[in-house]
mmCIF file of all heavy atoms, coordinates in Angstrom:
data_MODEL
# 
_entry.id   MODEL 
# 
loop_
_atom_site.group_PDB 
_atom_site.id 
_atom_site.type_symbol 
_atom_site.label_atom_id 
_atom_site.label_alt_id 
_atom_site.label_comp_id 
_atom_site.label_asym_id 
_atom_site.label_entity_id 
_atom_site.label_seq_id 
_atom_site.pdbx_PDB_ins_code 
_atom_site.Cartn_x 
_atom_site.Cartn_y 
_atom_site.Cartn_z 
_atom_site.occupancy 
_atom_site.B_iso_or_equiv 
_atom_site.pdbx_formal_charge 
_atom_site.auth_seq_id 
_atom_site.auth_comp_id 
_atom_site.auth_asym_id 
_atom_site.auth_atom_id 
_atom_site.pdbx_PDB_model_num 
ATOM 1   N N   . VAL A 1 1  ? 0.871  -1.210 0.011   1.00 0.00 ? 1  VAL A N   1 
ATOM 2   C CA  . VAL A 1 1  ? -0.008 -0.002 -0.011  1.00 0.00 ? 1  VAL A CA  1 
ATOM 3   C C   . VAL A 1 1  ? 0.896  1.249  0.017   1.00 0.00 ? 1  VAL A C   1 
ATOM 4   O O   . VAL A 1 1  ? 2.033  1.234  0.510   1.00 0.00 ? 1  VAL A O   1 
ATOM 5   C CB  . VAL A 1 1  ? -0.960 0.014  1.263   1.00 0.00 ? 1  VAL A CB  1 
ATOM 6   C CG1 . VAL A 1 1  ? -1.951 -1.091 1.071   1.00 0.00 ? 1  VAL A CG1 1 
ATOM 7   C CG2 . VAL A 1 1  ? -0.166 -0.033 2.510   1.00 0.00 ? 1  VAL A CG2 1 
ATOM 8   N N   . PRO A 1 2  ? 0.429  2.391  -0.603  1.00 0.00 ? 2  PRO A N   1 
ATOM 9   C CA  . PRO A 1 2  ? 1.306  3.568  -0.673  1.00 0.00 ? 2  PRO A CA  1 
ATOM 10  C C   . PRO A 1 2  ? 1.446  4.381  0.627   1.00 0.00 ? 2  PRO A C   1 
ATOM 11  O O   . PRO A 1 2  ? 1.476  5.602  0.549   1.00 0.00 ? 2  PRO A O   1 
ATOM 12  C CB  . PRO A 1 2  ? 0.566  4.331  -1.853  1.00 0.00 ? 2  PRO A CB  1 
ATOM 13  C CG  . PRO A 1 2  ? -0.830 3.989  -1.665  1.00 0.00 ? 2  PRO A CG  1 
ATOM 14  C CD  . PRO A 1 2  ? -0.834 2.477  -1.273  1.00 0.00 ? 2  PRO A CD  1 
ATOM 15  N N   . VAL A 1 3  ? 1.364  3.717  1.741   1.00 0.00 ? 3  VAL A N   1 
ATOM 16  C CA  . VAL A 1 3  ? 1.556  4.337  3.037   1.00 0.00 ? 3  VAL A CA  1 
ATOM 17  C C   . VAL A 1 3  ? 2.370  3.381  3.902   1.00 0.00 ? 3  VAL A C   1 
ATOM 18  O O   . VAL A 1 3  ? 2.264  2.145  3.747   1.00 0.00 ? 3  VAL A O   1 
ATOM 19  C CB  . VAL A 1 3  ? 0.239  4.712  3.700   1.00 0.00 ? 3  VAL A CB  1 
ATOM 20  C CG1 . VAL A 1 3  ? -0.508 5.784  2.920   1.00 0.00 ? 3  VAL A CG1 1 
ATOM 21  C CG2 . VAL A 1 3  ? -0.645 3.523  3.920   1.00 0.00 ? 3  VAL A CG2 1 
ATOM 22  N N   . GLY A 1 4  ? 3.127  3.955  4.897   1.00 0.00 ? 4  GLY A N   1 
ATOM 23  C CA  . GLY A 1 4  ? 3.776  3.143  5.787   1.00 0.00 ? 4  GLY A CA  1 
ATOM 24  C C   . GLY A 1 4  ? 5.051  2.460  5.121   1.00 0.00 ? 4  GLY A C   1 
ATOM 25  O O   . GLY A 1 4  ? 5.553  2.922  4.097   1.00 0.00 ? 4  GLY A O   1 
ATOM 26  N N   . GLU A 1 5  ? 5.435  1.363  5.764   1.00 0.00 ? 5  GLU A N   1 
ATOM 27  C CA  . GLU A 1 5  ? 6.696  0.662  5.315   1.00 0.00 ? 5  GLU A CA  1 
ATOM 28  C C   . GLU A 1 5  ? 6.338  -0.666 4.683   1.00 0.00 ? 5  GLU A C   1 
ATOM 29  O O   . GLU A 1 5  ? 6.891  -1.659 4.969   1.00 0.00 ? 5  GLU A O   1 
ATOM 30  C CB  . GLU A 1 5  ? 7.593  0.520  6.502   1.00 0.00 ? 5  GLU A CB  1 
ATOM 31  C CG  . GLU A 1 5  ? 8.045  1.754  7.062   1.00 0.00 ? 5  GLU A CG  1 
ATOM 32  C CD  . GLU A 1 5  ? 9.112  1.621  8.145   1.00 0.00 ? 5  GLU A CD  1 
ATOM 33  O OE1 . GLU A 1 5  ? 9.523  0.453  8.367   1.00 0.00 ? 5  GLU A OE1 1 
ATOM 34  O OE2 . GLU A 1 5  ? 9.465  2.606  8.779   1.00 0.00 ? 5  GLU A OE2 1 
ATOM 35  N N   . GLY A 1 6  ? 5.305  -0.635 3.742   1.00 0.00 ? 6  GLY A N   1 
ATOM 36  C CA  . GLY A 1 6  ? 4.823  -1.836 3.158   1.00 0.00 ? 6  GLY A CA  1 
ATOM 37  C C   . GLY A 1 6  ? 5.385  -2.204 1.816   1.00 0.00 ? 6  GLY A C   1 
ATOM 38  O O   . GLY A 1 6  ? 4.914  -3.001 1.026   1.00 0.00 ? 6  GLY A O   1 
ATOM 39  N N   . TYR A 1 7  ? 6.637  -1.677 1.490   1.00 0.00 ? 7  TYR A N   1 
ATOM 40  C CA  . TYR A 1 7  ? 7.234  -1.971 0.177   1.00 0.00 ? 7  TYR A CA  1 
ATOM 41  C C   . TYR A 1 7  ? 8.570  -2.722 0.331   1.00 0.00 ? 7  TYR A C   1 
ATOM 42  O O   . TYR A 1 7  ? 9.299  -2.504 1.293   1.00 0.00 ? 7  TYR A O   1 
ATOM 43  C CB  . TYR A 1 7  ? 7.547  -0.595 -0.502  1.00 0.00 ? 7  TYR A CB  1 
ATOM 44  C CG  . TYR A 1 7  ? 6.317  0.121  -0.930  1.00 0.00 ? 7  TYR A CG  1 
ATOM 45  C CD1 . TYR A 1 7  ? 5.952  1.341  -0.466  1.00 0.00 ? 7  TYR A CD1 1 
ATOM 46  C CD2 . TYR A 1 7  ? 5.496  -0.493 -1.904  1.00 0.00 ? 7  TYR A CD2 1 
ATOM 47  C CE1 . TYR A 1 7  ? 4.856  1.978  -0.834  1.00 0.00 ? 7  TYR A CE1 1 
ATOM 48  C CE2 . TYR A 1 7  ? 4.361  0.223  -2.447  1.00 0.00 ? 7  TYR A CE2 1 
ATOM 49  C CZ  . TYR A 1 7  ? 4.035  1.456  -1.804  1.00 0.00 ? 7  TYR A CZ  1 
ATOM 50  O OH  . TYR A 1 7  ? 2.890  2.128  -2.292  1.00 0.00 ? 7  TYR A OH  1 
ATOM 51  N N   . ALA A 1 8  ? 8.847  -3.472 -0.722  1.00 0.00 ? 8  ALA A N   1 
ATOM 52  C CA  . ALA A 1 8  ? 10.126 -4.125 -0.810  1.00 0.00 ? 8  ALA A CA  1 
ATOM 53  C C   . ALA A 1 8  ? 11.029 -3.289 -1.597  1.00 0.00 ? 8  ALA A C   1 
ATOM 54  O O   . ALA A 1 8  ? 10.634 -2.464 -2.387  1.00 0.00 ? 8  ALA A O   1 
ATOM 55  C CB  . ALA A 1 8  ? 9.979  -5.480 -1.552  1.00 0.00 ? 8  ALA A CB  1 
ATOM 56  N N   . MET A 1 9  ? 12.315 -3.392 -1.290  1.00 0.00 ? 9  MET A N   1 
ATOM 57  C CA  . MET A 1 9  ? 13.366 -2.629 -2.004  1.00 0.00 ? 9  MET A CA  1 
ATOM 58  C C   . MET A 1 9  ? 14.142 -3.663 -2.887  1.00 0.00 ? 9  MET A C   1 
ATOM 59  O O   . MET A 1 9  ? 14.542 -4.759 -2.386  1.00 0.00 ? 9  MET A O   1 
ATOM 60  C CB  . MET A 1 9  ? 14.221 -1.946 -1.107  1.00 0.00 ? 9  MET A CB  1 
ATOM 61  C CG  . MET A 1 9  ? 13.636 -0.783 -0.405  1.00 0.00 ? 9  MET A CG  1 
ATOM 62  S SD  . MET A 1 9  ? 13.286 0.570  -1.397  1.00 0.00 ? 9  MET A SD  1 
ATOM 63  C CE  . MET A 1 9  ? 14.910 1.234  -1.663  1.00 0.00 ? 9  MET A CE  1 
ATOM 64  N N   . THR A 1 10 ? 14.433 -3.301 -4.074  1.00 0.00 ? 10 THR A N   1 
ATOM 65  C CA  . THR A 1 10 ? 15.052 -4.229 -5.051  1.00 0.00 ? 10 THR A CA  1 
ATOM 66  C C   . THR A 1 10 ? 16.167 -3.416 -5.768  1.00 0.00 ? 10 THR A C   1 
ATOM 67  O O   . THR A 1 10 ? 15.839 -2.239 -6.118  1.00 0.00 ? 10 THR A O   1 
ATOM 68  C CB  . THR A 1 10 ? 14.106 -4.879 -6.044  1.00 0.00 ? 10 THR A CB  1 
ATOM 69  O OG1 . THR A 1 10 ? 13.066 -5.665 -5.294  1.00 0.00 ? 10 THR A OG1 1 
ATOM 70  C CG2 . THR A 1 10 ? 14.850 -5.883 -6.917  1.00 0.00 ? 10 THR A CG2 1 
ATOM 71  N N   . ALA A 1 11 ? 17.261 -4.027 -6.016  1.00 0.00 ? 11 ALA A N   1 
ATOM 72  C CA  . ALA A 1 11 ? 18.309 -3.370 -6.818  1.00 0.00 ? 11 ALA A CA  1 
ATOM 73  C C   . ALA A 1 11 ? 17.995 -3.547 -8.262  1.00 0.00 ? 11 ALA A C   1 
ATOM 74  O O   . ALA A 1 11 ? 17.941 -4.600 -8.855  1.00 0.00 ? 11 ALA A O   1 
ATOM 75  C CB  . ALA A 1 11 ? 19.684 -3.944 -6.472  1.00 0.00 ? 11 ALA A CB  1 
ATOM 76  N N   . PHE A 1 12 ? 17.794 -2.435 -8.990  1.00 0.00 ? 12 PHE A N   1 
ATOM 77  C CA  . PHE A 1 12 ? 17.590 -2.417 -10.402 1.00 0.00 ? 12 PHE A CA  1 
ATOM 78  C C   . PHE A 1 12 ? 18.771 -1.757 -11.127 1.00 0.00 ? 12 PHE A C   1 
ATOM 79  O O   . PHE A 1 12 ? 19.530 -1.014 -10.474 1.00 0.00 ? 12 PHE A O   1 
ATOM 80  C CB  . PHE A 1 12 ? 16.315 -1.627 -10.829 1.00 0.00 ? 12 PHE A CB  1 
ATOM 81  C CG  . PHE A 1 12 ? 14.985 -2.297 -10.383 1.00 0.00 ? 12 PHE A CG  1 
ATOM 82  C CD1 . PHE A 1 12 ? 14.519 -2.160 -9.121  1.00 0.00 ? 12 PHE A CD1 1 
ATOM 83  C CD2 . PHE A 1 12 ? 14.310 -3.058 -11.337 1.00 0.00 ? 12 PHE A CD2 1 
ATOM 84  C CE1 . PHE A 1 12 ? 13.373 -2.788 -8.792  1.00 0.00 ? 12 PHE A CE1 1 
ATOM 85  C CE2 . PHE A 1 12 ? 13.111 -3.653 -11.031 1.00 0.00 ? 12 PHE A CE2 1 
ATOM 86  C CZ  . PHE A 1 12 ? 12.637 -3.484 -9.769  1.00 0.00 ? 12 PHE A CZ  1 
ATOM 87  N N   . GLU A 1 13 ? 18.923 -2.103 -12.360 1.00 0.00 ? 13 GLU A N   1 
ATOM 88  C CA  . GLU A 1 13 ? 20.036 -1.507 -13.190 1.00 0.00 ? 13 GLU A CA  1 
ATOM 89  C C   . GLU A 1 13 ? 19.319 -0.651 -14.228 1.00 0.00 ? 13 GLU A C   1 
ATOM 90  O O   . GLU A 1 13 ? 18.575 -1.075 -15.048 1.00 0.00 ? 13 GLU A O   1 
ATOM 91  C CB  . GLU A 1 13 ? 20.868 -2.623 -13.809 1.00 0.00 ? 13 GLU A CB  1 
ATOM 92  C CG  . GLU A 1 13 ? 22.008 -2.010 -14.682 1.00 0.00 ? 13 GLU A CG  1 
ATOM 93  C CD  . GLU A 1 13 ? 22.869 -3.153 -15.349 1.00 0.00 ? 13 GLU A CD  1 
ATOM 94  O OE1 . GLU A 1 13 ? 23.189 -4.040 -14.624 1.00 0.00 ? 13 GLU A OE1 1 
ATOM 95  O OE2 . GLU A 1 13 ? 23.091 -3.024 -16.540 1.00 0.00 ? 13 GLU A OE2 1 
ATOM 96  N N   . PHE A 1 14 ? 19.659 0.634  -14.138 1.00 0.00 ? 14 PHE A N   1 
ATOM 97  C CA  . PHE A 1 14 ? 19.098 1.650  -15.075 1.00 0.00 ? 14 PHE A CA  1 
ATOM 98  C C   . PHE A 1 14 ? 20.284 2.185  -15.971 1.00 0.00 ? 14 PHE A C   1 
ATOM 99  O O   . PHE A 1 14 ? 21.078 2.990  -15.457 1.00 0.00 ? 14 PHE A O   1 
ATOM 100 C CB  . PHE A 1 14 ? 18.403 2.777  -14.359 1.00 0.00 ? 14 PHE A CB  1 
ATOM 101 C CG  . PHE A 1 14 ? 17.398 2.319  -13.315 1.00 0.00 ? 14 PHE A CG  1 
ATOM 102 C CD1 . PHE A 1 14 ? 17.666 2.242  -11.982 1.00 0.00 ? 14 PHE A CD1 1 
ATOM 103 C CD2 . PHE A 1 14 ? 16.074 1.920  -13.689 1.00 0.00 ? 14 PHE A CD2 1 
ATOM 104 C CE1 . PHE A 1 14 ? 16.811 1.840  -11.066 1.00 0.00 ? 14 PHE A CE1 1 
ATOM 105 C CE2 . PHE A 1 14 ? 15.245 1.517  -12.722 1.00 0.00 ? 14 PHE A CE2 1 
ATOM 106 C CZ  . PHE A 1 14 ? 15.565 1.466  -11.415 1.00 0.00 ? 14 PHE A CZ  1 
ATOM 107 N N   . LYS A 1 15 ? 20.257 1.873  -17.230 1.00 0.00 ? 15 LYS A N   1 
ATOM 108 C CA  . LYS A 1 15 ? 21.263 2.348  -18.186 1.00 0.00 ? 15 LYS A CA  1 
ATOM 109 C C   . LYS A 1 15 ? 22.720 2.202  -17.601 1.00 0.00 ? 15 LYS A C   1 
ATOM 110 O O   . LYS A 1 15 ? 23.489 3.047  -17.582 1.00 0.00 ? 15 LYS A O   1 
ATOM 111 C CB  . LYS A 1 15 ? 21.019 3.814  -18.529 1.00 0.00 ? 15 LYS A CB  1 
ATOM 112 C CG  . LYS A 1 15 ? 19.616 4.082  -19.036 1.00 0.00 ? 15 LYS A CG  1 
ATOM 113 C CD  . LYS A 1 15 ? 19.421 5.508  -19.504 1.00 0.00 ? 15 LYS A CD  1 
ATOM 114 C CE  . LYS A 1 15 ? 20.276 5.736  -20.776 1.00 0.00 ? 15 LYS A CE  1 
ATOM 115 N NZ  . LYS A 1 15 ? 19.948 7.140  -21.339 1.00 0.00 ? 15 LYS A NZ  1 
ATOM 116 N N   . GLY A 1 16 ? 22.908 0.985  -17.065 1.00 0.00 ? 16 GLY A N   1 
ATOM 117 C CA  . GLY A 1 16 ? 24.262 0.604  -16.553 1.00 0.00 ? 16 GLY A CA  1 
ATOM 118 C C   . GLY A 1 16 ? 24.501 1.025  -15.097 1.00 0.00 ? 16 GLY A C   1 
ATOM 119 O O   . GLY A 1 16 ? 25.552 0.690  -14.578 1.00 0.00 ? 16 GLY A O   1 
ATOM 120 N N   . GLU A 1 17 ? 23.566 1.772  -14.454 1.00 0.00 ? 17 GLU A N   1 
ATOM 121 C CA  . GLU A 1 17 ? 23.718 2.235  -13.120 1.00 0.00 ? 17 GLU A CA  1 
ATOM 122 C C   . GLU A 1 17 ? 22.786 1.359  -12.251 1.00 0.00 ? 17 GLU A C   1 
ATOM 123 O O   . GLU A 1 17 ? 21.612 1.354  -12.380 1.00 0.00 ? 17 GLU A O   1 
ATOM 124 C CB  . GLU A 1 17 ? 23.452 3.678  -13.032 1.00 0.00 ? 17 GLU A CB  1 
ATOM 125 C CG  . GLU A 1 17 ? 23.624 4.276  -11.612 1.00 0.00 ? 17 GLU A CG  1 
ATOM 126 C CD  . GLU A 1 17 ? 23.371 5.758  -11.520 1.00 0.00 ? 17 GLU A CD  1 
ATOM 127 O OE1 . GLU A 1 17 ? 23.134 6.339  -12.601 1.00 0.00 ? 17 GLU A OE1 1 
ATOM 128 O OE2 . GLU A 1 17 ? 23.242 6.289  -10.398 1.00 0.00 ? 17 GLU A OE2 1 
ATOM 129 N N   . SER A 1 18 ? 23.330 0.797  -11.157 1.00 0.00 ? 18 SER A N   1 
ATOM 130 C CA  . SER A 1 18 ? 22.604 -0.005 -10.224 1.00 0.00 ? 18 SER A CA  1 
ATOM 131 C C   . SER A 1 18 ? 22.111 0.901  -9.116  1.00 0.00 ? 18 SER A C   1 
ATOM 132 O O   . SER A 1 18 ? 22.918 1.572  -8.434  1.00 0.00 ? 18 SER A O   1 
ATOM 133 C CB  . SER A 1 18 ? 23.430 -1.132 -9.734  1.00 0.00 ? 18 SER A CB  1 
ATOM 134 O OG  . SER A 1 18 ? 22.647 -1.966 -8.841  1.00 0.00 ? 18 SER A OG  1 
ATOM 135 N N   . ARG A 1 19 ? 20.805 0.882  -8.892  1.00 0.00 ? 19 ARG A N   1 
ATOM 136 C CA  . ARG A 1 19 ? 20.214 1.693  -7.784  1.00 0.00 ? 19 ARG A CA  1 
ATOM 137 C C   . ARG A 1 19 ? 19.125 0.892  -7.173  1.00 0.00 ? 19 ARG A C   1 
ATOM 138 O O   . ARG A 1 19 ? 18.332 0.176  -7.761  1.00 0.00 ? 19 ARG A O   1 
ATOM 139 C CB  . ARG A 1 19 ? 19.734 3.118  -8.253  1.00 0.00 ? 19 ARG A CB  1 
ATOM 140 C CG  . ARG A 1 19 ? 20.759 3.935  -8.658  1.00 0.00 ? 19 ARG A CG  1 
ATOM 141 C CD  . ARG A 1 19 ? 21.554 4.537  -7.552  1.00 0.00 ? 19 ARG A CD  1 
ATOM 142 N NE  . ARG A 1 19 ? 20.746 5.254  -6.655  1.00 0.00 ? 19 ARG A NE  1 
ATOM 143 C CZ  . ARG A 1 19 ? 20.507 6.621  -6.767  1.00 0.00 ? 19 ARG A CZ  1 
ATOM 144 N NH1 . ARG A 1 19 ? 21.044 7.297  -7.710  1.00 0.00 ? 19 ARG A NH1 1 
ATOM 145 N NH2 . ARG A 1 19 ? 19.682 7.217  -5.867  1.00 0.00 ? 19 ARG A NH2 1 
ATOM 146 N N   . MET A 1 20 ? 18.875 1.193  -5.839  1.00 0.00 ? 20 MET A N   1 
ATOM 147 C CA  . MET A 1 20 ? 17.751 0.596  -5.099  1.00 0.00 ? 20 MET A CA  1 
ATOM 148 C C   . MET A 1 20 ? 16.441 1.287  -5.416  1.00 0.00 ? 20 MET A C   1 
ATOM 149 O O   . MET A 1 20 ? 16.521 2.553  -5.555  1.00 0.00 ? 20 MET A O   1 
ATOM 150 C CB  . MET A 1 20 ? 17.999 0.542  -3.610  1.00 0.00 ? 20 MET A CB  1 
ATOM 151 C CG  . MET A 1 20 ? 19.187 -0.242 -3.136  1.00 0.00 ? 20 MET A CG  1 
ATOM 152 S SD  . MET A 1 20 ? 18.966 -2.023 -3.516  1.00 0.00 ? 20 MET A SD  1 
ATOM 153 C CE  . MET A 1 20 ? 17.633 -2.427 -2.330  1.00 0.00 ? 20 MET A CE  1 
ATOM 154 N N   . ALA A 1 21 ? 15.397 0.564  -5.575  1.00 0.00 ? 21 ALA A N   1 
ATOM 155 C CA  . ALA A 1 21 ? 14.066 1.258  -5.933  1.00 0.00 ? 21 ALA A CA  1 
ATOM 156 C C   . ALA A 1 21 ? 13.014 0.382  -5.176  1.00 0.00 ? 21 ALA A C   1 
ATOM 157 O O   . ALA A 1 21 ? 13.158 -0.827 -5.085  1.00 0.00 ? 21 ALA A O   1 
ATOM 158 C CB  . ALA A 1 21 ? 13.858 1.334  -7.455  1.00 0.00 ? 21 ALA A CB  1 
ATOM 159 N N   . GLY A 1 22 ? 11.976 1.104  -4.840  1.00 0.00 ? 22 GLY A N   1 
ATOM 160 C CA  . GLY A 1 22 ? 10.822 0.383  -4.321  1.00 0.00 ? 22 GLY A CA  1 
ATOM 161 C C   . GLY A 1 22 ? 10.061 -0.424 -5.403  1.00 0.00 ? 22 GLY A C   1 
ATOM 162 O O   . GLY A 1 22 ? 10.134 0.030  -6.542  1.00 0.00 ? 22 GLY A O   1 
ATOM 163 N N   . VAL A 1 23 ? 9.503  -1.532 -5.042  1.00 0.00 ? 23 VAL A N   1 
ATOM 164 C CA  . VAL A 1 23 ? 8.823  -2.271 -6.070  1.00 0.00 ? 23 VAL A CA  1 
ATOM 165 C C   . VAL A 1 23 ? 7.468  -2.699 -5.553  1.00 0.00 ? 23 VAL A C   1 
ATOM 166 O O   . VAL A 1 23 ? 7.306  -3.141 -4.348  1.00 0.00 ? 23 VAL A O   1 
ATOM 167 C CB  . VAL A 1 23 ? 9.621  -3.526 -6.534  1.00 0.00 ? 23 VAL A CB  1 
ATOM 168 C CG1 . VAL A 1 23 ? 9.946  -4.410 -5.287  1.00 0.00 ? 23 VAL A CG1 1 
ATOM 169 C CG2 . VAL A 1 23 ? 8.917  -4.317 -7.587  1.00 0.00 ? 23 VAL A CG2 1 
ATOM 170 N N   . ASN A 1 24 ? 6.430  -2.617 -6.329  1.00 0.00 ? 24 ASN A N   1 
ATOM 171 C CA  . ASN A 1 24 ? 5.054  -3.041 -5.988  1.00 0.00 ? 24 ASN A CA  1 
ATOM 172 C C   . ASN A 1 24 ? 4.471  -3.776 -7.115  1.00 0.00 ? 24 ASN A C   1 
ATOM 173 O O   . ASN A 1 24 ? 4.502  -3.456 -8.252  1.00 0.00 ? 24 ASN A O   1 
ATOM 174 C CB  . ASN A 1 24 ? 4.161  -1.828 -5.722  1.00 0.00 ? 24 ASN A CB  1 
ATOM 175 C CG  . ASN A 1 24 ? 2.944  -2.115 -4.953  1.00 0.00 ? 24 ASN A CG  1 
ATOM 176 O OD1 . ASN A 1 24 ? 2.681  -3.276 -4.513  1.00 0.00 ? 24 ASN A OD1 1 
ATOM 177 N ND2 . ASN A 1 24 ? 2.022  -1.173 -4.828  1.00 0.00 ? 24 ASN A ND2 1 
# 
């Protein structure tokens, strides 16, 4: 849900750069 700490974090690669992003 878009409130609180209900999201997982996953490492994605964007144009060769690895960054953590929330995923739903």
